[in-house]
N, C-alpha and C. Protein backbone atom coordinates (compact mmCIF):
# COMPACT_ATOMS: atom_id res chain seq x y z
N MET A 1 -10.55 37.45 -20.02
CA MET A 1 -10.98 37.31 -18.65
C MET A 1 -10.29 38.36 -17.80
N SER A 2 -11.03 38.95 -16.92
CA SER A 2 -10.42 39.96 -16.06
C SER A 2 -9.67 39.30 -14.92
N GLN A 3 -8.77 40.07 -14.34
CA GLN A 3 -7.94 39.56 -13.24
C GLN A 3 -8.82 39.13 -12.07
N SER A 4 -9.84 39.88 -11.72
CA SER A 4 -10.67 39.55 -10.57
C SER A 4 -11.46 38.26 -10.79
N ARG A 5 -11.87 37.99 -11.99
CA ARG A 5 -12.62 36.77 -12.27
C ARG A 5 -11.74 35.54 -12.12
N ILE A 6 -10.50 35.61 -12.52
CA ILE A 6 -9.56 34.49 -12.39
C ILE A 6 -9.35 34.15 -10.92
N GLU A 7 -9.23 35.15 -10.08
CA GLU A 7 -8.96 34.92 -8.67
C GLU A 7 -10.15 34.33 -7.93
N THR A 8 -11.37 34.57 -8.40
CA THR A 8 -12.55 34.11 -7.67
C THR A 8 -13.10 32.79 -8.18
N GLU A 9 -12.64 32.32 -9.31
CA GLU A 9 -13.13 31.04 -9.83
C GLU A 9 -12.64 29.89 -8.98
N THR A 10 -13.50 28.92 -8.80
CA THR A 10 -13.11 27.70 -8.08
C THR A 10 -12.70 26.65 -9.10
N PRO A 11 -11.90 25.69 -8.69
CA PRO A 11 -11.52 24.65 -9.63
C PRO A 11 -12.75 23.94 -10.20
N ARG A 12 -12.69 23.58 -11.45
CA ARG A 12 -13.83 22.94 -12.09
C ARG A 12 -14.02 21.50 -11.63
N HIS A 13 -12.94 20.85 -11.23
CA HIS A 13 -13.02 19.44 -10.85
C HIS A 13 -12.32 19.20 -9.51
N PRO A 14 -12.88 19.71 -8.42
CA PRO A 14 -12.22 19.49 -7.13
C PRO A 14 -12.17 18.01 -6.77
N ALA A 15 -13.17 17.25 -7.21
CA ALA A 15 -13.19 15.82 -6.90
C ALA A 15 -12.03 15.10 -7.59
N LEU A 16 -11.67 15.55 -8.78
CA LEU A 16 -10.57 14.94 -9.51
C LEU A 16 -9.26 15.11 -8.75
N SER A 17 -9.01 16.30 -8.22
CA SER A 17 -7.78 16.51 -7.47
C SER A 17 -7.78 15.68 -6.20
N SER A 18 -8.93 15.50 -5.59
CA SER A 18 -9.04 14.66 -4.39
C SER A 18 -8.75 13.20 -4.73
N VAL A 19 -9.27 12.73 -5.84
CA VAL A 19 -9.03 11.35 -6.28
C VAL A 19 -7.54 11.15 -6.60
N LEU A 20 -6.95 12.11 -7.26
CA LEU A 20 -5.52 12.01 -7.59
C LEU A 20 -4.67 11.99 -6.33
N PHE A 21 -5.00 12.85 -5.37
CA PHE A 21 -4.26 12.88 -4.12
C PHE A 21 -4.39 11.56 -3.38
N THR A 22 -5.61 11.03 -3.31
CA THR A 22 -5.85 9.76 -2.63
C THR A 22 -5.09 8.63 -3.32
N SER A 23 -5.11 8.62 -4.64
CA SER A 23 -4.40 7.58 -5.38
C SER A 23 -2.90 7.66 -5.16
N LEU A 24 -2.36 8.86 -5.19
CA LEU A 24 -0.93 9.05 -4.97
C LEU A 24 -0.56 8.64 -3.55
N ASN A 25 -1.38 9.01 -2.60
CA ASN A 25 -1.13 8.66 -1.20
C ASN A 25 -1.16 7.14 -1.02
N GLN A 26 -2.12 6.46 -1.65
CA GLN A 26 -2.21 5.00 -1.55
C GLN A 26 -1.00 4.34 -2.20
N TRP A 27 -0.59 4.86 -3.35
CA TRP A 27 0.57 4.30 -4.04
C TRP A 27 1.81 4.44 -3.16
N LEU A 28 1.99 5.60 -2.54
CA LEU A 28 3.14 5.81 -1.67
C LEU A 28 3.10 4.87 -0.47
N HIS A 29 1.93 4.71 0.13
CA HIS A 29 1.78 3.79 1.26
C HIS A 29 2.16 2.37 0.85
N ASN A 30 1.67 1.93 -0.29
CA ASN A 30 1.96 0.57 -0.75
C ASN A 30 3.43 0.39 -1.11
N TRP A 31 4.06 1.45 -1.62
CA TRP A 31 5.49 1.38 -1.93
C TRP A 31 6.29 1.18 -0.65
N VAL A 32 5.94 1.93 0.40
CA VAL A 32 6.62 1.78 1.69
C VAL A 32 6.38 0.36 2.22
N ALA A 33 5.17 -0.14 2.08
CA ALA A 33 4.86 -1.49 2.55
C ALA A 33 5.70 -2.53 1.81
N ARG A 34 5.92 -2.34 0.52
CA ARG A 34 6.74 -3.28 -0.24
C ARG A 34 8.20 -3.24 0.21
N ARG A 35 8.64 -2.08 0.65
CA ARG A 35 10.00 -2.00 1.20
C ARG A 35 10.11 -2.83 2.48
N LYS A 36 9.05 -2.89 3.24
CA LYS A 36 9.04 -3.69 4.46
C LYS A 36 9.14 -5.18 4.15
N LEU A 37 8.63 -5.58 2.99
CA LEU A 37 8.72 -6.99 2.60
C LEU A 37 10.18 -7.44 2.46
N ARG A 38 11.02 -6.51 2.04
CA ARG A 38 12.45 -6.85 1.92
C ARG A 38 13.01 -7.29 3.25
N ALA A 39 12.61 -6.61 4.32
CA ALA A 39 13.09 -6.98 5.66
C ALA A 39 12.57 -8.36 6.04
N LEU A 40 11.32 -8.66 5.67
CA LEU A 40 10.77 -9.99 5.97
C LEU A 40 11.53 -11.08 5.21
N MET A 41 11.93 -10.78 3.99
CA MET A 41 12.66 -11.78 3.19
C MET A 41 14.02 -12.11 3.80
N GLU A 42 14.55 -11.22 4.61
CA GLU A 42 15.85 -11.46 5.24
C GLU A 42 15.75 -12.28 6.52
N LEU A 43 14.52 -12.50 7.00
CA LEU A 43 14.35 -13.29 8.22
C LEU A 43 14.54 -14.78 7.94
N GLU A 44 14.93 -15.51 8.96
CA GLU A 44 15.04 -16.97 8.87
C GLU A 44 13.64 -17.57 8.75
N ASP A 45 13.56 -18.75 8.16
CA ASP A 45 12.27 -19.42 8.01
C ASP A 45 11.62 -19.69 9.36
N THR A 46 12.41 -20.01 10.36
CA THR A 46 11.85 -20.27 11.69
C THR A 46 11.23 -19.01 12.29
N THR A 47 11.84 -17.87 12.05
CA THR A 47 11.29 -16.61 12.55
C THR A 47 10.00 -16.28 11.83
N LEU A 48 9.98 -16.50 10.53
CA LEU A 48 8.74 -16.28 9.77
C LEU A 48 7.63 -17.19 10.30
N ARG A 49 7.98 -18.43 10.57
CA ARG A 49 7.00 -19.38 11.11
C ARG A 49 6.46 -18.90 12.46
N ASP A 50 7.33 -18.32 13.28
CA ASP A 50 6.91 -17.81 14.59
C ASP A 50 5.85 -16.71 14.47
N ILE A 51 5.89 -15.95 13.38
CA ILE A 51 4.89 -14.89 13.20
C ILE A 51 3.75 -15.34 12.27
N GLY A 52 3.73 -16.65 11.99
CA GLY A 52 2.61 -17.20 11.23
C GLY A 52 2.73 -17.06 9.73
N LEU A 53 3.95 -16.91 9.21
CA LEU A 53 4.16 -16.75 7.77
C LEU A 53 5.15 -17.77 7.25
N THR A 54 5.14 -17.94 5.95
CA THR A 54 6.16 -18.73 5.27
C THR A 54 6.84 -17.82 4.25
N ARG A 55 7.97 -18.27 3.76
CA ARG A 55 8.67 -17.50 2.73
C ARG A 55 7.78 -17.37 1.48
N GLY A 56 7.03 -18.40 1.20
CA GLY A 56 6.10 -18.37 0.07
C GLY A 56 5.04 -17.28 0.24
N ASP A 57 4.58 -17.08 1.48
CA ASP A 57 3.61 -16.01 1.74
C ASP A 57 4.20 -14.65 1.39
N VAL A 58 5.44 -14.44 1.78
CA VAL A 58 6.10 -13.15 1.53
C VAL A 58 6.31 -12.96 0.02
N ILE A 59 6.69 -14.01 -0.66
CA ILE A 59 6.86 -13.92 -2.12
C ILE A 59 5.51 -13.63 -2.78
N TRP A 60 4.47 -14.32 -2.33
CA TRP A 60 3.11 -14.09 -2.86
C TRP A 60 2.72 -12.61 -2.68
N ALA A 61 2.95 -12.08 -1.48
CA ALA A 61 2.58 -10.69 -1.21
C ALA A 61 3.38 -9.71 -2.07
N SER A 62 4.63 -10.04 -2.34
CA SER A 62 5.45 -9.14 -3.15
C SER A 62 4.99 -9.11 -4.61
N ASN A 63 4.22 -10.10 -5.01
CA ASN A 63 3.71 -10.16 -6.39
C ASN A 63 2.29 -9.64 -6.53
N LEU A 64 1.71 -9.12 -5.45
CA LEU A 64 0.38 -8.53 -5.53
C LEU A 64 0.41 -7.28 -6.41
N PRO A 65 -0.72 -6.92 -6.99
CA PRO A 65 -0.76 -5.67 -7.77
C PRO A 65 -0.37 -4.47 -6.92
N VAL A 66 0.16 -3.46 -7.55
CA VAL A 66 0.65 -2.27 -6.85
C VAL A 66 -0.45 -1.60 -6.04
N GLY A 67 -1.68 -1.74 -6.46
CA GLY A 67 -2.80 -1.12 -5.76
C GLY A 67 -3.16 -1.79 -4.45
N GLU A 68 -2.57 -2.93 -4.16
CA GLU A 68 -2.89 -3.65 -2.93
C GLU A 68 -1.75 -3.51 -1.93
N ASP A 69 -2.11 -3.44 -0.65
CA ASP A 69 -1.14 -3.32 0.43
C ASP A 69 -0.65 -4.72 0.80
N PRO A 70 0.60 -5.06 0.51
CA PRO A 70 1.09 -6.41 0.77
C PRO A 70 1.22 -6.73 2.27
N VAL A 71 1.50 -5.72 3.08
CA VAL A 71 1.63 -5.96 4.52
C VAL A 71 0.26 -6.30 5.11
N GLN A 72 -0.76 -5.60 4.67
CA GLN A 72 -2.11 -5.89 5.14
C GLN A 72 -2.54 -7.28 4.68
N ALA A 73 -2.21 -7.65 3.46
CA ALA A 73 -2.54 -8.99 2.96
C ALA A 73 -1.84 -10.06 3.78
N LEU A 74 -0.58 -9.84 4.11
CA LEU A 74 0.16 -10.81 4.93
C LEU A 74 -0.41 -10.89 6.34
N SER A 75 -0.87 -9.80 6.85
CA SER A 75 -1.48 -9.80 8.18
C SER A 75 -2.70 -10.72 8.19
N GLY A 76 -3.49 -10.64 7.14
CA GLY A 76 -4.66 -11.52 7.03
C GLY A 76 -4.26 -12.98 6.94
N VAL A 77 -3.22 -13.27 6.18
CA VAL A 77 -2.73 -14.66 6.05
C VAL A 77 -2.28 -15.17 7.40
N SER A 78 -1.52 -14.37 8.10
CA SER A 78 -0.99 -14.77 9.40
C SER A 78 -2.11 -15.02 10.41
N LYS A 79 -3.10 -14.13 10.45
CA LYS A 79 -4.21 -14.27 11.38
C LYS A 79 -5.02 -15.53 11.08
N ARG A 80 -5.26 -15.83 9.81
CA ARG A 80 -6.01 -17.04 9.47
C ARG A 80 -5.24 -18.29 9.83
N ARG A 81 -3.93 -18.25 9.68
CA ARG A 81 -3.10 -19.42 9.97
C ARG A 81 -3.01 -19.69 11.47
N VAL A 82 -2.97 -18.65 12.27
CA VAL A 82 -2.82 -18.80 13.72
C VAL A 82 -4.07 -19.43 14.34
N ARG A 83 -5.23 -19.20 13.76
CA ARG A 83 -6.47 -19.75 14.30
C ARG A 83 -6.46 -21.21 14.31
């Protein structure tokens, strides 16, 4: 292959790199969200109750699959409970 041909070729799978970037970004977001759960676990039960959660809710969220955002899941639990 000539030097000029290498420089002008486009990636064969641009969608694959986009999917990998999105997956990595989602994993990082969920990892940060799981770190936030640690702070919730340190709250008193009465404080958790004030925001519409129980300690069991926080434990449940910490056991969700890595692909799911535990903070978003807890937000849904809290909103349903407040109604």
